[in-house]
Amino acid sequence: MFLIRRPSPALIERVLDEQRTRPFSYPQPGMTRSTAGPAGYPRNHHETRLGHGEETFVRAVEAVRSWAMYDLPWTYVHPVAPPVVEGAVFATIVSHLRFWSINPCRIVYVDDVDTPAMRTFAFAIGTLPLHSEAGEERFVVQWDRATGEVRFEILAYARAWHWMARLSGPFVGILQRRFGRAALAAVQARVDGPPASAL
């Protein structure tokens, strides 16, 4: 849903109320569980090393659960910090090309896996019909206990859905890559910053 000015919270809530029971706008929910996505959905992948050790892992999970990857000058989520639980509905609000867009999403799945070798926290969001794109995006924090390394990864399979997005041609891919790089940096900054209790 594209607008010429920043949407009000009331408008966003009305859009979410209308979209809450709608199905995903793509036929393969859960497709980000595979590293090989479906045909016709461009792959967008970003990954970084956040640091080492359990404390870094805990801070990274807190950052992702609080949606730090959307804490950017040109995008945010509504409501603020929606719960990271399967089925939760929210919107990403994006400012681009002098337009604003309301992009309704639903959390597809949440994984929290603890094994002797690896600790993993991940969740995926899927697009609803009024989103400007169609597809799924997964956020993953992993702690490799053998090396101590903590990594953050974003994997998305998405294509333009709204007619304005389709008309924009390569801009959708440029925006996806821009978001990926900025999201990695935002999570890294939250991990490197002071503990939440010190803010």
Protein backbone atom coordinates (compact mmCIF):
# COMPACT_ATOMS: atom_id res chain seq x y z
CA MET A 1 0.00 0.00 0.00
CA PHE A 2 1.69 3.20 -1.22
CA LEU A 3 1.06 6.69 0.20
CA ILE A 4 2.41 10.18 -0.45
CA ARG A 5 2.92 10.92 3.26
CA ARG A 6 3.88 9.05 6.41
CA PRO A 7 0.92 6.89 7.51
CA SER A 8 -0.76 7.54 10.84
CA PRO A 9 -0.87 4.76 13.46
CA ALA A 10 -4.66 4.67 13.06
CA LEU A 11 -4.39 4.02 9.33
CA ILE A 12 -1.79 1.29 9.87
CA GLU A 13 -4.07 -0.37 12.42
CA ARG A 14 -6.99 -0.31 9.97
CA VAL A 15 -4.83 -1.96 7.31
CA LEU A 16 -3.65 -4.62 9.75
CA ASP A 17 -7.20 -5.33 10.91
CA GLU A 18 -8.20 -5.94 7.28
CA GLN A 19 -5.17 -8.12 6.56
CA ARG A 20 -5.04 -10.10 9.81
CA THR A 21 -7.02 -13.09 8.55
CA ARG A 22 -5.85 -12.97 4.94
CA PRO A 23 -3.62 -15.75 3.57
CA PHE A 24 0.00 -15.20 2.63
CA SER A 25 0.49 -13.59 -0.79
CA TYR A 26 2.74 -16.46 -1.95
CA PRO A 27 2.04 -20.19 -2.08
CA GLN A 28 5.10 -21.56 -0.26
CA PRO A 29 5.09 -20.55 3.44
CA GLY A 30 8.27 -21.84 5.07
CA MET A 31 10.34 -21.57 1.90
CA THR A 32 13.20 -19.87 3.76
CA ARG A 33 13.93 -23.15 5.55
CA SER A 34 15.70 -24.11 2.31
CA THR A 35 18.84 -22.47 0.92
CA ALA A 36 17.45 -23.07 -2.57
CA GLY A 37 14.31 -21.00 -3.01
CA PRO A 38 11.45 -21.52 -5.45
CA ALA A 39 11.67 -20.49 -9.08
CA GLY A 40 10.73 -16.90 -9.79
CA TYR A 41 11.75 -15.54 -6.37
CA PRO A 42 15.11 -13.70 -6.38
CA ARG A 43 17.41 -14.73 -3.53
CA ASN A 44 18.77 -12.04 -1.23
CA HIS A 45 21.35 -13.21 1.32
CA HIS A 46 23.45 -11.25 3.83
CA GLU A 47 25.60 -12.54 6.68
CA THR A 48 28.06 -11.15 9.21
CA ARG A 49 30.11 -12.23 12.23
CA LEU A 50 28.89 -10.39 15.33
CA GLY A 51 31.52 -11.60 17.78
CA HIS A 52 32.16 -14.53 20.09
CA GLY A 53 30.64 -16.23 23.09
CA GLU A 54 27.37 -16.71 24.87
CA GLU A 55 26.98 -13.08 25.93
CA THR A 56 27.23 -11.96 22.30
CA PHE A 57 24.64 -14.57 21.31
CA VAL A 58 22.22 -13.42 24.03
CA ARG A 59 22.63 -9.78 23.03
CA ALA A 60 22.14 -10.64 19.36
CA VAL A 61 18.94 -12.55 20.06
CA GLU A 62 17.65 -9.64 22.15
CA ALA A 63 18.45 -7.28 19.27
CA VAL A 64 16.62 -9.42 16.73
CA ARG A 65 13.63 -9.99 19.05
CA SER A 66 13.36 -6.22 19.48
CA TRP A 67 13.47 -5.72 15.68
CA ALA A 68 16.78 -3.82 15.65
CA MET A 69 17.15 -4.64 11.94
CA TYR A 70 14.25 -2.27 11.21
CA ASP A 71 15.52 0.52 13.45
CA LEU A 72 16.64 2.58 10.46
CA PRO A 73 16.00 6.17 9.32
CA TRP A 74 13.77 4.96 6.48
CA THR A 75 11.95 1.93 7.89
CA TYR A 76 10.28 0.78 11.09
CA VAL A 77 7.76 -1.78 12.33
CA HIS A 78 4.24 -1.21 13.67
CA PRO A 79 3.31 -1.92 16.36
CA VAL A 80 6.61 -1.17 18.09
CA ALA A 81 8.45 -4.43 18.84
CA PRO A 82 5.62 -6.86 18.02
CA PRO A 83 5.96 -10.23 19.80
CA VAL A 84 8.12 -12.72 17.93
CA VAL A 85 5.62 -15.58 17.93
CA GLU A 86 4.23 -17.63 15.07
CA GLY A 87 1.16 -15.97 13.59
CA ALA A 88 1.84 -12.44 14.86
CA VAL A 89 0.72 -9.79 12.34
CA PHE A 90 2.50 -6.46 11.96
CA ALA A 91 3.59 -4.01 9.27
CA THR A 92 6.90 -2.74 8.02
CA ILE A 93 6.69 0.93 7.10
CA VAL A 94 9.14 2.08 4.44
CA SER A 95 10.01 5.49 2.98
CA HIS A 96 11.37 5.35 -0.59
CA LEU A 97 11.35 7.51 -3.71
CA ARG A 98 9.28 10.17 -1.87
CA PHE A 99 6.58 7.58 -1.16
CA TRP A 100 5.68 5.66 1.99
CA SER A 101 4.45 2.09 1.98
CA ILE A 102 2.57 -0.01 4.53
CA ASN A 103 3.65 -3.64 4.18
CA PRO A 104 1.60 -6.12 6.23
CA CYS A 105 3.39 -9.30 7.33
CA ARG A 106 2.84 -12.38 9.45
CA ILE A 107 5.45 -14.40 11.32
CA VAL A 108 5.62 -17.78 9.58
CA TYR A 109 7.67 -19.74 12.10
CA VAL A 110 10.04 -19.33 15.05
CA ASP A 111 12.94 -21.71 15.72
CA ASP A 112 14.91 -21.86 18.98
CA VAL A 113 17.26 -24.84 18.81
CA ASP A 114 19.94 -25.76 21.35
CA THR A 115 22.32 -28.63 20.61
CA PRO A 116 25.77 -29.47 22.03
CA ALA A 117 27.36 -28.06 18.86
CA MET A 118 25.15 -25.09 17.99
CA ARG A 119 22.63 -22.68 19.45
CA THR A 120 20.25 -21.15 16.89
CA PHE A 121 17.47 -18.60 17.11
CA ALA A 122 15.56 -17.80 13.92
CA PHE A 123 12.24 -16.55 12.68
CA ALA A 124 10.70 -15.85 9.29
CA ILE A 125 8.19 -13.25 8.17
CA GLY A 126 5.87 -13.69 5.20
CA THR A 127 4.05 -11.11 3.13
CA LEU A 128 0.29 -10.51 3.19
CA PRO A 129 -1.71 -9.32 0.14
CA LEU A 130 -1.26 -5.55 0.62
CA HIS A 131 2.54 -5.86 0.91
CA SER A 132 4.47 -4.29 -1.99
CA GLU A 133 6.40 -7.58 -2.41
CA ALA A 134 5.50 -11.25 -2.24
CA GLY A 135 7.79 -13.64 -0.41
CA GLU A 136 9.49 -14.52 2.83
CA GLU A 137 12.45 -13.29 4.87
CA ARG A 138 14.33 -15.16 7.59
CA PHE A 139 16.53 -13.74 10.38
CA VAL A 140 19.00 -16.12 12.04
CA VAL A 141 21.42 -15.80 14.97
CA GLN A 142 23.81 -18.74 15.45
CA TRP A 143 26.41 -19.49 18.10
CA ASP A 144 28.94 -22.17 17.12
CA ARG A 145 30.08 -23.58 20.43
CA ALA A 146 33.21 -25.17 18.96
CA THR A 147 34.61 -21.91 17.60
CA GLY A 148 32.67 -19.53 19.84
CA GLU A 149 31.66 -17.53 16.78
CA VAL A 150 28.28 -15.77 16.66
CA ARG A 151 26.81 -14.95 13.26
CA PHE A 152 23.74 -13.11 12.02
CA GLU A 153 22.14 -14.01 8.71
CA ILE A 154 19.30 -12.67 6.59
CA LEU A 155 17.83 -14.83 3.83
CA ALA A 156 14.94 -13.65 1.65
CA TYR A 157 13.07 -14.89 -1.38
CA ALA A 158 10.85 -12.09 -2.62
CA ARG A 159 9.58 -10.50 -5.80
CA ALA A 160 7.64 -7.33 -6.63
CA TRP A 161 3.90 -7.72 -5.99
CA HIS A 162 2.22 -4.30 -6.05
CA TRP A 163 1.95 -2.81 -9.55
CA MET A 164 4.03 0.21 -8.51
CA ALA A 165 6.78 -2.09 -7.27
CA ARG A 166 6.68 -4.05 -10.52
CA LEU A 167 6.94 -0.83 -12.54
CA SER A 168 10.00 0.23 -10.55
CA GLY A 169 12.05 -2.51 -12.22
CA PRO A 170 15.46 -3.09 -10.58
CA PHE A 171 14.70 -0.68 -7.72
CA VAL A 172 13.08 -3.48 -5.69
CA GLY A 173 16.31 -5.49 -5.76
CA ILE A 174 18.35 -2.41 -4.91
CA LEU A 175 16.08 -1.70 -1.92
CA GLN A 176 16.32 -5.32 -0.74
CA ARG A 177 20.13 -5.22 -0.83
CA ARG A 178 20.19 -1.83 0.86
CA PHE A 179 17.99 -3.14 3.65
CA GLY A 180 20.15 -6.25 4.08
CA ARG A 181 23.35 -4.26 4.54
CA ALA A 182 21.71 -1.72 6.84
CA ALA A 183 20.02 -4.43 8.94
CA LEU A 184 23.32 -6.23 9.55
CA ALA A 185 24.90 -2.96 10.68
CA ALA A 186 21.93 -2.12 12.94
CA VAL A 187 22.09 -5.48 14.73
CA GLN A 188 25.88 -5.21 15.06
CA ALA A 189 25.50 -1.74 16.61
CA ARG A 190 22.93 -3.03 19.11
CA VAL A 191 25.20 -5.96 20.05
CA ASP A 192 28.22 -3.65 20.49
CA GLY A 193 26.28 -1.01 22.42
CA PRO A 194 25.60 -0.74 26.14
CA PRO A 195 23.27 -3.30 27.78
CA ALA A 196 19.60 -2.35 27.65
CA SER A 197 19.60 -1.90 31.45
CA ALA A 198 22.27 0.81 31.07
CA LEU A 199 20.29 2.87 28.55
